[in-house]
């Protein structure tokens, strides 16, 4: 096992677990593959959004779910924000939430 997946807080965990059944099943499958193969998994499962921000691209018959995450030097995947995708492009408000939580995580861990 290369990586371990964590949620930044209980709210993010609860939001993610509220995904519709099909999307949630795909999300869990992708996180299991990330734990085994790491970031080399690539598209269509994960993609880089920005310098330190990635997304899990979960799909189901109900639609598309996205979960932003960052990584740590200790091979942790930290889920920062999850939402159901309703537009082609990533909404800026969703990215802003993920960026804010990434900054909070880095401050908490003392990462500059």
PDB file of N, CA and C in Angstrom:
ATOM      1  N   UNK A   1       0.846  -1.182   0.000  1.00  0.00           N
ATOM      2  CA  UNK A   1       0.000   0.000   0.000  1.00  0.00           C
ATOM      3  C   UNK A   1       0.889   1.242   0.000  1.00  0.00           C
ATOM      4  N   UNK A   2       0.728   2.070  -1.013  1.00  0.00           N
ATOM      5  CA  UNK A   2       1.559   3.264  -1.120  1.00  0.00           C
ATOM      6  C   UNK A   2       1.009   4.445  -0.324  1.00  0.00           C
ATOM      7  N   UNK A   3      -0.262   4.721  -0.491  1.00  0.00           N
ATOM      8  CA  UNK A   3      -0.877   5.909   0.097  1.00  0.00           C
ATOM      9  C   UNK A   3      -2.002   5.533   1.056  1.00  0.00           C
ATOM     10  N   UNK A   4      -2.356   6.472   1.924  1.00  0.00           N
ATOM     11  CA  UNK A   4      -3.487   6.317   2.829  1.00  0.00           C
ATOM     12  C   UNK A   4      -4.390   7.533   2.649  1.00  0.00           C
ATOM     13  N   UNK A   5      -5.686   7.306   2.530  1.00  0.00           N
ATOM     14  CA  UNK A   5      -6.645   8.384   2.281  1.00  0.00           C
ATOM     15  C   UNK A   5      -7.278   8.836   3.594  1.00  0.00           C
ATOM     16  N   UNK A   6      -7.305  10.164   3.805  1.00  0.00           N
ATOM     17  CA  UNK A   6      -7.912  10.783   4.975  1.00  0.00           C
ATOM     18  C   UNK A   6      -8.817  11.931   4.523  1.00  0.00           C
ATOM     19  N   UNK A   7      -9.757  12.291   5.357  1.00  0.00           N
ATOM     20  CA  UNK A   7     -10.578  13.476   5.134  1.00  0.00           C
ATOM     21  C   UNK A   7     -10.056  14.575   6.043  1.00  0.00           C
ATOM     22  N   UNK A   8     -10.047  15.804   5.559  1.00  0.00           N
ATOM     23  CA  UNK A   8      -9.526  16.919   6.349  1.00  0.00           C
ATOM     24  C   UNK A   8     -10.370  17.164   7.595  1.00  0.00           C
ATOM     25  N   UNK A   9     -11.674  16.897   7.502  1.00  0.00           N
ATOM     26  CA  UNK A   9     -12.536  17.062   8.670  1.00  0.00           C
ATOM     27  C   UNK A   9     -13.807  16.222   8.503  1.00  0.00           C
ATOM     28  N   UNK A  10     -14.603  16.203   9.540  1.00  0.00           N
ATOM     29  CA  UNK A  10     -15.833  15.394   9.557  1.00  0.00           C
ATOM     30  C   UNK A  10     -16.848  15.879   8.522  1.00  0.00           C
ATOM     31  N   UNK A  11     -16.938  17.203   8.316  1.00  0.00           N
ATOM     32  CA  UNK A  11     -17.883  17.758   7.347  1.00  0.00           C
ATOM     33  C   UNK A  11     -17.592  17.232   5.947  1.00  0.00           C
ATOM     34  N   UNK A  12     -16.331  17.247   5.564  1.00  0.00           N
ATOM     35  CA  UNK A  12     -15.953  16.760   4.234  1.00  0.00           C
ATOM     36  C   UNK A  12     -16.266  15.269   4.118  1.00  0.00           C
ATOM     37  N   UNK A  13     -15.984  14.530   5.159  1.00  0.00           N
ATOM     38  CA  UNK A  13     -16.295  13.096   5.154  1.00  0.00           C
ATOM     39  C   UNK A  13     -17.799  12.879   4.979  1.00  0.00           C
ATOM     40  N   UNK A  14     -18.604  13.603   5.758  1.00  0.00           N
ATOM     41  CA  UNK A  14     -20.054  13.458   5.661  1.00  0.00           C
ATOM     42  C   UNK A  14     -20.583  13.879   4.293  1.00  0.00           C
ATOM     43  N   UNK A  15     -20.064  15.001   3.754  1.00  0.00           N
ATOM     44  CA  UNK A  15     -20.484  15.449   2.420  1.00  0.00           C
ATOM     45  C   UNK A  15     -20.170  14.394   1.367  1.00  0.00           C
ATOM     46  N   UNK A  16     -19.008  13.798   1.481  1.00  0.00           N
ATOM     47  CA  UNK A  16     -18.597  12.778   0.513  1.00  0.00           C
ATOM     48  C   UNK A  16     -19.467  11.529   0.643  1.00  0.00           C
ATOM     49  N   UNK A  17     -19.735  11.116   1.864  1.00  0.00           N
ATOM     50  CA  UNK A  17     -20.543   9.910   2.080  1.00  0.00           C
ATOM     51  C   UNK A  17     -22.009  10.114   1.705  1.00  0.00           C
ATOM     52  N   UNK A  18     -22.401  11.359   1.446  1.00  0.00           N
ATOM     53  CA  UNK A  18     -23.756  11.660   0.983  1.00  0.00           C
ATOM     54  C   UNK A  18     -23.879  11.574  -0.542  1.00  0.00           C
ATOM     55  N   UNK A  19     -22.769  11.287  -1.229  1.00  0.00           N
ATOM     56  CA  UNK A  19     -22.857  11.085  -2.678  1.00  0.00           C
ATOM     57  C   UNK A  19     -23.908  10.016  -2.959  1.00  0.00           C
ATOM     58  N   UNK A  20     -24.612  10.104  -4.092  1.00  0.00           N
ATOM     59  CA  UNK A  20     -25.525   9.016  -4.482  1.00  0.00           C
ATOM     60  C   UNK A  20     -24.758   7.691  -4.550  1.00  0.00           C
ATOM     61  N   UNK A  21     -25.469   6.577  -4.368  1.00  0.00           N
ATOM     62  CA  UNK A  21     -24.842   5.249  -4.234  1.00  0.00           C
ATOM     63  C   UNK A  21     -23.835   4.917  -5.336  1.00  0.00           C
ATOM     64  N   UNK A  22     -24.199   5.144  -6.585  1.00  0.00           N
ATOM     65  CA  UNK A  22     -23.311   4.800  -7.692  1.00  0.00           C
ATOM     66  C   UNK A  22     -22.037   5.623  -7.696  1.00  0.00           C
ATOM     67  N   UNK A  23     -22.170   6.915  -7.449  1.00  0.00           N
ATOM     68  CA  UNK A  23     -21.004   7.803  -7.403  1.00  0.00           C
ATOM     69  C   UNK A  23     -20.132   7.448  -6.209  1.00  0.00           C
ATOM     70  N   UNK A  24     -20.757   7.185  -5.061  1.00  0.00           N
ATOM     71  CA  UNK A  24     -19.998   6.823  -3.858  1.00  0.00           C
ATOM     72  C   UNK A  24     -19.231   5.516  -4.066  1.00  0.00           C
ATOM     73  N   UNK A  25     -19.870   4.546  -4.695  1.00  0.00           N
ATOM     74  CA  UNK A  25     -19.187   3.267  -4.963  1.00  0.00           C
ATOM     75  C   UNK A  25     -17.964   3.498  -5.843  1.00  0.00           C
ATOM     76  N   UNK A  26     -18.095   4.344  -6.864  1.00  0.00           N
ATOM     77  CA  UNK A  26     -16.965   4.637  -7.742  1.00  0.00           C
ATOM     78  C   UNK A  26     -15.883   5.409  -6.992  1.00  0.00           C
ATOM     79  N   UNK A  27     -16.289   6.347  -6.139  1.00  0.00           N
ATOM     80  CA  UNK A  27     -15.336   7.101  -5.318  1.00  0.00           C
ATOM     81  C   UNK A  27     -14.514   6.150  -4.448  1.00  0.00           C
ATOM     82  N   UNK A  28     -15.173   5.224  -3.783  1.00  0.00           N
ATOM     83  CA  UNK A  28     -14.478   4.265  -2.917  1.00  0.00           C
ATOM     84  C   UNK A  28     -13.521   3.400  -3.736  1.00  0.00           C
ATOM     85  N   UNK A  29     -13.976   2.964  -4.898  1.00  0.00           N
ATOM     86  CA  UNK A  29     -13.123   2.159  -5.780  1.00  0.00           C
ATOM     87  C   UNK A  29     -11.866   2.948  -6.177  1.00  0.00           C
ATOM     88  N   UNK A  30     -12.044   4.216  -6.538  1.00  0.00           N
ATOM     89  CA  UNK A  30     -10.901   5.042  -6.946  1.00  0.00           C
ATOM     90  C   UNK A  30      -9.950   5.263  -5.774  1.00  0.00           C
ATOM     91  N   UNK A  31     -10.472   5.521  -4.562  1.00  0.00           N
ATOM     92  CA  UNK A  31      -9.576   5.725  -3.420  1.00  0.00           C
ATOM     93  C   UNK A  31      -8.783   4.456  -3.105  1.00  0.00           C
ATOM     94  N   UNK A  32      -9.404   3.309  -3.293  1.00  0.00           N
ATOM     95  CA  UNK A  32      -8.668   2.051  -3.084  1.00  0.00           C
ATOM     96  C   UNK A  32      -7.544   1.910  -4.111  1.00  0.00           C
ATOM     97  N   UNK A  33      -7.806   2.303  -5.359  1.00  0.00           N
ATOM     98  CA  UNK A  33      -6.760   2.243  -6.382  1.00  0.00           C
ATOM     99  C   UNK A  33      -5.653   3.250  -6.089  1.00  0.00           C
ATOM    100  N   UNK A  34      -6.021   4.444  -5.574  1.00  0.00           N
ATOM    101  CA  UNK A  34      -5.010   5.443  -5.216  1.00  0.00           C
ATOM    102  C   UNK A  34      -4.109   4.899  -4.109  1.00  0.00           C
ATOM    103  N   UNK A  35      -4.706   4.239  -3.115  1.00  0.00           N
ATOM    104  CA  UNK A  35      -3.905   3.679  -2.028  1.00  0.00           C
ATOM    105  C   UNK A  35      -2.888   2.678  -2.555  1.00  0.00           C
ATOM    106  N   UNK A  36      -3.254   1.946  -3.590  1.00  0.00           N
ATOM    107  CA  UNK A  36      -2.350   0.940  -4.150  1.00  0.00           C
ATOM    108  C   UNK A  36      -1.349   1.524  -5.145  1.00  0.00           C
ATOM    109  N   UNK A  37      -1.832   2.389  -6.056  1.00  0.00           N
ATOM    110  CA  UNK A  37      -0.995   2.858  -7.162  1.00  0.00           C
ATOM    111  C   UNK A  37      -0.512   4.300  -7.027  1.00  0.00           C
ATOM    112  N   UNK A  38      -1.056   5.061  -6.080  1.00  0.00           N
ATOM    113  CA  UNK A  38      -0.632   6.447  -5.899  1.00  0.00           C
ATOM    114  C   UNK A  38      -1.089   7.357  -7.015  1.00  0.00           C
ATOM    115  N   UNK A  39      -0.392   8.462  -7.157  1.00  0.00           N
ATOM    116  CA  UNK A  39      -0.772   9.471  -8.141  1.00  0.00           C
ATOM    117  C   UNK A  39      -0.523   9.036  -9.577  1.00  0.00           C
ATOM    118  N   UNK A  40       0.210   7.968  -9.767  1.00  0.00           N
ATOM    119  CA  UNK A  40       0.452   7.470 -11.122  1.00  0.00           C
ATOM    120  C   UNK A  40      -0.829   6.914 -11.744  1.00  0.00           C
ATOM    121  N   UNK A  41      -1.869   6.786 -10.953  1.00  0.00           N
ATOM    122  CA  UNK A  41      -3.154   6.288 -11.447  1.00  0.00           C
ATOM    123  C   UNK A  41      -3.656   7.137 -12.610  1.00  0.00           C
ATOM    124  N   UNK A  42      -3.594   8.444 -12.488  1.00  0.00           N
ATOM    125  CA  UNK A  42      -3.928   9.361 -13.575  1.00  0.00           C
ATOM    126  C   UNK A  42      -5.370   9.307 -14.047  1.00  0.00           C
ATOM    127  N   UNK A  43      -5.589   9.946 -15.213  1.00  0.00           N
ATOM    128  CA  UNK A  43      -6.932  10.012 -15.794  1.00  0.00           C
ATOM    129  C   UNK A  43      -7.342   8.638 -16.290  1.00  0.00           C
ATOM    130  N   UNK A  44      -8.594   8.298 -16.232  1.00  0.00           N
ATOM    131  CA  UNK A  44      -9.769   9.135 -15.962  1.00  0.00           C
ATOM    132  C   UNK A  44     -10.136   9.198 -14.484  1.00  0.00           C
ATOM    133  N   UNK A  45      -9.311   8.641 -13.605  1.00  0.00           N
ATOM    134  CA  UNK A  45      -9.660   8.545 -12.186  1.00  0.00           C
ATOM    135  C   UNK A  45      -9.291   9.783 -11.374  1.00  0.00           C
ATOM    136  N   UNK A  46      -8.090  10.299 -11.594  1.00  0.00           N
ATOM    137  CA  UNK A  46      -7.651  11.511 -10.907  1.00  0.00           C
ATOM    138  C   UNK A  46      -7.008  12.449 -11.908  1.00  0.00           C
ATOM    139  N   UNK A  47      -7.025  13.728 -11.600  1.00  0.00           N
ATOM    140  CA  UNK A  47      -6.333  14.694 -12.454  1.00  0.00           C
ATOM    141  C   UNK A  47      -5.813  15.840 -11.595  1.00  0.00           C
ATOM    142  N   UNK A  48      -4.788  16.504 -12.112  1.00  0.00           N
ATOM    143  CA  UNK A  48      -4.210  17.655 -11.425  1.00  0.00           C
ATOM    144  C   UNK A  48      -5.024  18.884 -11.811  1.00  0.00           C
ATOM    145  N   UNK A  49      -5.441  19.655 -10.808  1.00  0.00           N
ATOM    146  CA  UNK A  49      -6.220  20.869 -11.037  1.00  0.00           C
ATOM    147  C   UNK A  49      -5.292  22.079 -11.021  1.00  0.00           C
ATOM    148  N   UNK A  50      -4.425  22.118 -10.031  1.00  0.00           N
ATOM    149  CA  UNK A  50      -3.450  23.191  -9.854  1.00  0.00           C
ATOM    150  C   UNK A  50      -2.179  22.586  -9.278  1.00  0.00           C
ATOM    151  N   UNK A  51      -1.230  23.468  -8.930  1.00  0.00           N
ATOM    152  CA  UNK A  51       0.071  23.020  -8.441  1.00  0.00           C
ATOM    153  C   UNK A  51      -0.015  21.932  -7.363  1.00  0.00           C
ATOM    154  N   UNK A  52      -0.786  22.164  -6.308  1.00  0.00           N
ATOM    155  CA  UNK A  52      -0.862  21.205  -5.199  1.00  0.00           C
ATOM    156  C   UNK A  52      -2.256  20.620  -5.014  1.00  0.00           C
ATOM    157  N   UNK A  53      -3.113  20.822  -5.987  1.00  0.00           N
ATOM    158  CA  UNK A  53      -4.513  20.431  -5.861  1.00  0.00           C
ATOM    159  C   UNK A  53      -4.888  19.445  -6.965  1.00  0.00           C
ATOM    160  N   UNK A  54      -5.439  18.319  -6.540  1.00  0.00           N
ATOM    161  CA  UNK A  54      -5.850  17.266  -7.469  1.00  0.00           C
ATOM    162  C   UNK A  54      -7.337  16.994  -7.257  1.00  0.00           C
ATOM    163  N   UNK A  55      -7.928  16.210  -8.176  1.00  0.00           N
ATOM    164  CA  UNK A  55      -9.322  15.831  -7.986  1.00  0.00           C
ATOM    165  C   UNK A  55      -9.526  14.361  -8.302  1.00  0.00           C
ATOM    166  N   UNK A  56     -10.407  13.761  -7.515  1.00  0.00           N
ATOM    167  CA  UNK A  56     -10.897  12.404  -7.790  1.00  0.00           C
ATOM    168  C   UNK A  56     -12.129  12.579  -8.654  1.00  0.00           C
ATOM    169  N   UNK A  57     -12.189  11.841  -9.766  1.00  0.00           N
ATOM    170  CA  UNK A  57     -13.254  11.998 -10.751  1.00  0.00           C
ATOM    171  C   UNK A  57     -14.183  10.778 -10.712  1.00  0.00           C
ATOM    172  N   UNK A  58     -15.142  10.821  -9.786  1.00  0.00           N
ATOM    173  CA  UNK A  58     -16.052   9.690  -9.590  1.00  0.00           C
ATOM    174  C   UNK A  58     -17.310   9.864 -10.443  1.00  0.00           C
ATOM    175  N   UNK A  59     -17.728   8.770 -11.068  1.00  0.00           N
ATOM    176  CA  UNK A  59     -18.930   8.792 -11.904  1.00  0.00           C
ATOM    177  C   UNK A  59     -19.869   7.676 -11.474  1.00  0.00           C
ATOM    178  N   UNK A  60     -21.136   7.909 -11.721  1.00  0.00           N
ATOM    179  CA  UNK A  60     -22.160   6.905 -11.464  1.00  0.00           C
ATOM    180  C   UNK A  60     -23.345   7.187 -12.360  1.00  0.00           C
ATOM    181  N   UNK A  61     -24.334   6.321 -12.343  1.00  0.00           N
ATOM    182  CA  UNK A  61     -25.511   6.543 -13.176  1.00  0.00           C
ATOM    183  C   UNK A  61     -26.227   7.828 -12.761  1.00  0.00           C
ATOM    184  N   UNK A  62     -26.008   8.272 -11.518  1.00  0.00           N
ATOM    185  CA  UNK A  62     -26.671   9.467 -11.004  1.00  0.00           C
ATOM    186  C   UNK A  62     -25.984  10.763 -11.435  1.00  0.00           C
ATOM    187  N   UNK A  63     -24.761  10.669 -11.948  1.00  0.00           N
ATOM    188  CA  UNK A  63     -24.026  11.872 -12.339  1.00  0.00           C
ATOM    189  C   UNK A  63     -22.547  11.754 -12.035  1.00  0.00           C
ATOM    190  N   UNK A  64     -21.959  12.902 -11.743  1.00  0.00           N
ATOM    191  CA  UNK A  64     -20.511  12.988 -11.543  1.00  0.00           C
ATOM    192  C   UNK A  64     -20.220  13.650 -10.197  1.00  0.00           C
ATOM    193  N   UNK A  65     -19.332  13.051  -9.428  1.00  0.00           N
ATOM    194  CA  UNK A  65     -18.875  13.634  -8.173  1.00  0.00           C
ATOM    195  C   UNK A  65     -17.398  13.962  -8.277  1.00  0.00           C
ATOM    196  N   UNK A  66     -17.010  15.024  -7.622  1.00  0.00           N
ATOM    197  CA  UNK A  66     -15.608  15.413  -7.602  1.00  0.00           C
ATOM    198  C   UNK A  66     -15.175  15.622  -6.156  1.00  0.00           C
ATOM    199  N   UNK A  67     -13.958  15.212  -5.875  1.00  0.00           N
ATOM    200  CA  UNK A  67     -13.367  15.428  -4.556  1.00  0.00           C
ATOM    201  C   UNK A  67     -11.958  15.967  -4.752  1.00  0.00           C
ATOM    202  N   UNK A  68     -11.738  17.181  -4.266  1.00  0.00           N
ATOM    203  CA  UNK A  68     -10.408  17.770  -4.330  1.00  0.00           C
ATOM    204  C   UNK A  68      -9.553  17.193  -3.219  1.00  0.00           C
ATOM    205  N   UNK A  69      -8.270  16.998  -3.525  1.00  0.00           N
ATOM    206  CA  UNK A  69      -7.360  16.499  -2.502  1.00  0.00           C
ATOM    207  C   UNK A  69      -5.961  17.047  -2.709  1.00  0.00           C
ATOM    208  N   UNK A  70      -5.172  16.948  -1.649  1.00  0.00           N
ATOM    209  CA  UNK A  70      -3.750  17.263  -1.718  1.00  0.00           C
ATOM    210  C   UNK A  70      -2.999  16.051  -1.183  1.00  0.00           C
ATOM    211  N   UNK A  71      -1.701  16.090  -1.295  1.00  0.00           N
ATOM    212  CA  UNK A  71      -0.881  14.984  -0.802  1.00  0.00           C
ATOM    213  C   UNK A  71       0.093  15.503   0.248  1.00  0.00           C
ATOM    214  N   UNK A  72       0.594  14.590   1.059  1.00  0.00           N
ATOM    215  CA  UNK A  72       1.617  14.956   2.035  1.00  0.00           C
ATOM    216  C   UNK A  72       2.898  14.185   1.710  1.00  0.00           C
ATOM    217  N   UNK A  73       3.978  14.599   2.315  1.00  0.00           N
ATOM    218  CA  UNK A  73       5.255  13.911   2.095  1.00  0.00           C
ATOM    219  C   UNK A  73       5.252  12.505   2.674  1.00  0.00           C
ATOM    220  N   UNK A  74       4.313  12.242   3.577  1.00  0.00           N
ATOM    221  CA  UNK A  74       4.223  10.917   4.188  1.00  0.00           C
ATOM    222  C   UNK A  74       3.224  10.023   3.444  1.00  0.00           C
ATOM    223  N   UNK A  75       2.987  10.350   2.182  1.00  0.00           N
ATOM    224  CA  UNK A  75       2.117   9.567   1.296  1.00  0.00           C
ATOM    225  C   UNK A  75       0.686   9.466   1.820  1.00  0.00           C
ATOM    226  N   UNK A  76       0.172  10.606   2.220  1.00  0.00           N
ATOM    227  CA  UNK A  76      -1.229  10.696   2.601  1.00  0.00           C
ATOM    228  C   UNK A  76      -1.984  11.464   1.531  1.00  0.00           C
ATOM    229  N   UNK A  77      -3.197  11.047   1.282  1.00  0.00           N
ATOM    230  CA  UNK A  77      -4.122  11.758   0.410  1.00  0.00           C
ATOM    231  C   UNK A  77      -5.136  12.401   1.341  1.00  0.00           C
ATOM    232  N   UNK A  78      -5.229  13.726   1.306  1.00  0.00           N
ATOM    233  CA  UNK A  78      -6.137  14.428   2.203  1.00  0.00           C
ATOM    234  C   UNK A  78      -7.277  15.007   1.369  1.00  0.00           C
ATOM    235  N   UNK A  79      -8.486  14.463   1.571  1.00  0.00           N
ATOM    236  CA  UNK A  79      -9.663  14.941   0.850  1.00  0.00           C
ATOM    237  C   UNK A  79     -10.063  16.277   1.464  1.00  0.00           C
ATOM    238  N   UNK A  80     -10.082  17.331   0.637  1.00  0.00           N
ATOM    239  CA  UNK A  80     -10.339  18.687   1.109  1.00  0.00           C
ATOM    240  C   UNK A  80     -11.778  19.139   0.910  1.00  0.00           C
ATOM    241  N   UNK A  81     -12.404  18.667  -0.171  1.00  0.00           N
ATOM    242  CA  UNK A  81     -13.750  19.153  -0.515  1.00  0.00           C
ATOM    243  C   UNK A  81     -14.368  18.213  -1.536  1.00  0.00           C
ATOM    244  N   UNK A  82     -15.658  17.915  -1.373  1.00  0.00           N
ATOM    245  CA  UNK A  82     -16.382  17.060  -2.310  1.00  0.00           C
ATOM    246  C   UNK A  82     -17.681  17.737  -2.723  1.00  0.00           C
ATOM    247  N   UNK A  83     -18.051  17.540  -3.986  1.00  0.00           N
ATOM    248  CA  UNK A  83     -19.299  18.117  -4.488  1.00  0.00           C
ATOM    249  C   UNK A  83     -19.784  17.315  -5.695  1.00  0.00           C
ATOM    250  N   UNK A  84     -21.053  17.501  -6.031  1.00  0.00           N
ATOM    251  CA  UNK A  84     -21.625  16.889  -7.229  1.00  0.00           C
ATOM    252  C   UNK A  84     -21.470  17.884  -8.370  1.00  0.00           C
ATOM    253  N   UNK A  85     -20.876  17.434  -9.437  1.00  0.00           N
ATOM    254  CA  UNK A  85     -20.593  18.307 -10.578  1.00  0.00           C
ATOM    255  C   UNK A  85     -21.852  18.492 -11.412  1.00  0.00           C
ATOM    256  N   UNK A  86     -22.156  19.760 -11.732  1.00  0.00           N
ATOM    257  CA  UNK A  86     -23.354  20.059 -12.520  1.00  0.00           C
ATOM    258  C   UNK A  86     -23.053  20.849 -13.784  1.00  0.00           C
ATOM    259  N   UNK A  87     -21.801  21.283 -13.948  1.00  0.00           N
ATOM    260  CA  UNK A  87     -21.403  22.046 -15.127  1.00  0.00           C
ATOM    261  C   UNK A  87     -20.152  21.429 -15.735  1.00  0.00           C
ATOM    262  N   UNK A  88     -19.864  21.801 -16.975  1.00  0.00           N
ATOM    263  CA  UNK A  88     -18.691  21.266 -17.670  1.00  0.00           C
ATOM    264  C   UNK A  88     -17.385  21.674 -16.968  1.00  0.00           C
ATOM    265  N   UNK A  89     -17.259  22.971 -16.665  1.00  0.00           N
ATOM    266  CA  UNK A  89     -16.063  23.475 -15.995  1.00  0.00           C
ATOM    267  C   UNK A  89     -16.215  23.357 -14.486  1.00  0.00           C
ATOM    268  N   UNK A  90     -15.083  23.340 -13.802  1.00  0.00           N
ATOM    269  CA  UNK A  90     -15.098  23.322 -12.343  1.00  0.00           C
ATOM    270  C   UNK A  90     -15.535  24.706 -11.866  1.00  0.00           C
ATOM    271  N   UNK A  91     -16.606  24.802 -11.087  1.00  0.00           N
ATOM    272  CA  UNK A  91     -17.030  26.111 -10.573  1.00  0.00           C
ATOM    273  C   UNK A  91     -15.957  26.726  -9.679  1.00  0.00           C
ATOM    274  N   UNK A  92     -15.706  28.005  -9.847  1.00  0.00           N
ATOM    275  CA  UNK A  92     -14.678  28.706  -9.070  1.00  0.00           C
ATOM    276  C   UNK A  92     -14.947  28.633  -7.568  1.00  0.00           C
ATOM    277  N   UNK A  93     -16.234  28.652  -7.167  1.00  0.00           N
ATOM    278  CA  UNK A  93     -16.533  28.596  -5.729  1.00  0.00           C
ATOM    279  C   UNK A  93     -16.065  27.276  -5.121  1.00  0.00           C
ATOM    280  N   UNK A  94     -16.111  26.187  -5.905  1.00  0.00           N
ATOM    281  CA  UNK A  94     -15.659  24.881  -5.396  1.00  0.00           C
ATOM    282  C   UNK A  94     -14.138  24.879  -5.253  1.00  0.00           C
ATOM    283  N   UNK A  95     -13.442  25.464  -6.210  1.00  0.00           N
ATOM    284  CA  UNK A  95     -11.980  25.547  -6.142  1.00  0.00           C
ATOM    285  C   UNK A  95     -11.557  26.418  -4.960  1.00  0.00           C
ATOM    286  N   UNK A  96     -12.278  27.518  -4.739  1.00  0.00           N
ATOM    287  CA  UNK A  96     -11.940  28.412  -3.622  1.00  0.00           C
ATOM    288  C   UNK A  96     -12.059  27.699  -2.287  1.00  0.00           C
ATOM    289  N   UNK A  97     -13.087  26.883  -2.129  1.00  0.00           N
ATOM    290  CA  UNK A  97     -13.254  26.116  -0.887  1.00  0.00           C
ATOM    291  C   UNK A  97     -12.070  25.174  -0.703  1.00  0.00           C
ATOM    292  N   UNK A  98     -11.693  24.469  -1.768  1.00  0.00           N
ATOM    293  CA  UNK A  98     -10.565  23.537  -1.692  1.00  0.00           C
ATOM    294  C   UNK A  98      -9.260  24.266  -1.396  1.00  0.00           C
ATOM    295  N   UNK A  99      -9.035  25.401  -2.043  1.00  0.00           N
ATOM    296  CA  UNK A  99      -7.816  26.185  -1.793  1.00  0.00           C
ATOM    297  C   UNK A  99      -7.746  26.633  -0.332  1.00  0.00           C
ATOM    298  N   UNK A 100      -8.875  27.093   0.200  1.00  0.00           N
ATOM    299  CA  UNK A 100      -8.930  27.560   1.585  1.00  0.00           C
ATOM    300  C   UNK A 100      -8.571  26.413   2.537  1.00  0.00           C
ATOM    301  N   UNK A 101      -9.144  25.247   2.297  1.00  0.00           N
ATOM    302  CA  UNK A 101      -8.860  24.099   3.169  1.00  0.00           C
ATOM    303  C   UNK A 101      -7.425  23.612   3.009  1.00  0.00           C
ATOM    304  N   UNK A 102      -6.886  23.706   1.805  1.00  0.00           N
ATOM    305  CA  UNK A 102      -5.478  23.352   1.581  1.00  0.00           C
ATOM    306  C   UNK A 102      -4.585  24.276   2.399  1.00  0.00           C
ATOM    307  N   UNK A 103      -4.898  25.568   2.367  1.00  0.00           N
ATOM    308  CA  UNK A 103      -4.118  26.538   3.136  1.00  0.00           C
ATOM    309  C   UNK A 103      -4.215  26.240   4.630  1.00  0.00           C
ATOM    310  N   UNK A 104      -5.432  25.932   5.109  1.00  0.00           N
ATOM    311  CA  UNK A 104      -5.616  25.584   6.518  1.00  0.00           C
ATOM    312  C   UNK A 104      -4.807  24.346   6.889  1.00  0.00           C
ATOM    313  N   UNK A 105      -4.831  23.346   6.009  1.00  0.00           N
ATOM    314  CA  UNK A 105      -4.081  22.114   6.266  1.00  0.00           C
ATOM    315  C   UNK A 105      -2.586  22.411   6.367  1.00  0.00           C
ATOM    316  N   UNK A 106      -2.077  23.203   5.429  1.00  0.00           N
ATOM    317  CA  UNK A 106      -0.654  23.521   5.438  1.00  0.00           C
ATOM    318  C   UNK A 106      -0.263  24.330   6.669  1.00  0.00           C
ATOM    319  N   UNK A 107      -1.130  25.256   7.081  1.00  0.00           N
ATOM    320  CA  UNK A 107      -0.852  26.037   8.292  1.00  0.00           C
ATOM    321  C   UNK A 107      -0.837  25.145   9.523  1.00  0.00           C
ATOM    322  N   UNK A 108      -1.799  24.229   9.584  1.00  0.00           N
ATOM    323  CA  UNK A 108      -1.901  23.305  10.724  1.00  0.00           C
ATOM    324  C   UNK A 108      -0.662  22.422  10.816  1.00  0.00           C
ATOM    325  N   UNK A 109      -0.157  21.993   9.674  1.00  0.00           N
ATOM    326  CA  UNK A 109       1.007  21.096   9.646  1.00  0.00           C
ATOM    327  C   UNK A 109       2.323  21.852   9.649  1.00  0.00           C
ATOM    328  N   UNK A 110       2.265  23.200   9.574  1.00  0.00           N
ATOM    329  CA  UNK A 110       3.490  23.993   9.558  1.00  0.00           C
ATOM    330  C   UNK A 110       4.250  23.898   8.251  1.00  0.00           C
ATOM    331  N   UNK A 111       3.514  23.701   7.160  1.00  0.00           N
ATOM    332  CA  UNK A 111       4.120  23.589   5.830  1.00  0.00           C
ATOM    333  C   UNK A 111       4.074  24.969   5.175  1.00  0.00           C
ATOM    334  N   UNK A 112       5.207  25.420   4.708  1.00  0.00           N
ATOM    335  CA  UNK A 112       5.250  26.746   4.080  1.00  0.00           C
ATOM    336  C   UNK A 112       5.137  26.617   2.586  1.00  0.00           C
TER     337      UNK A 112
END
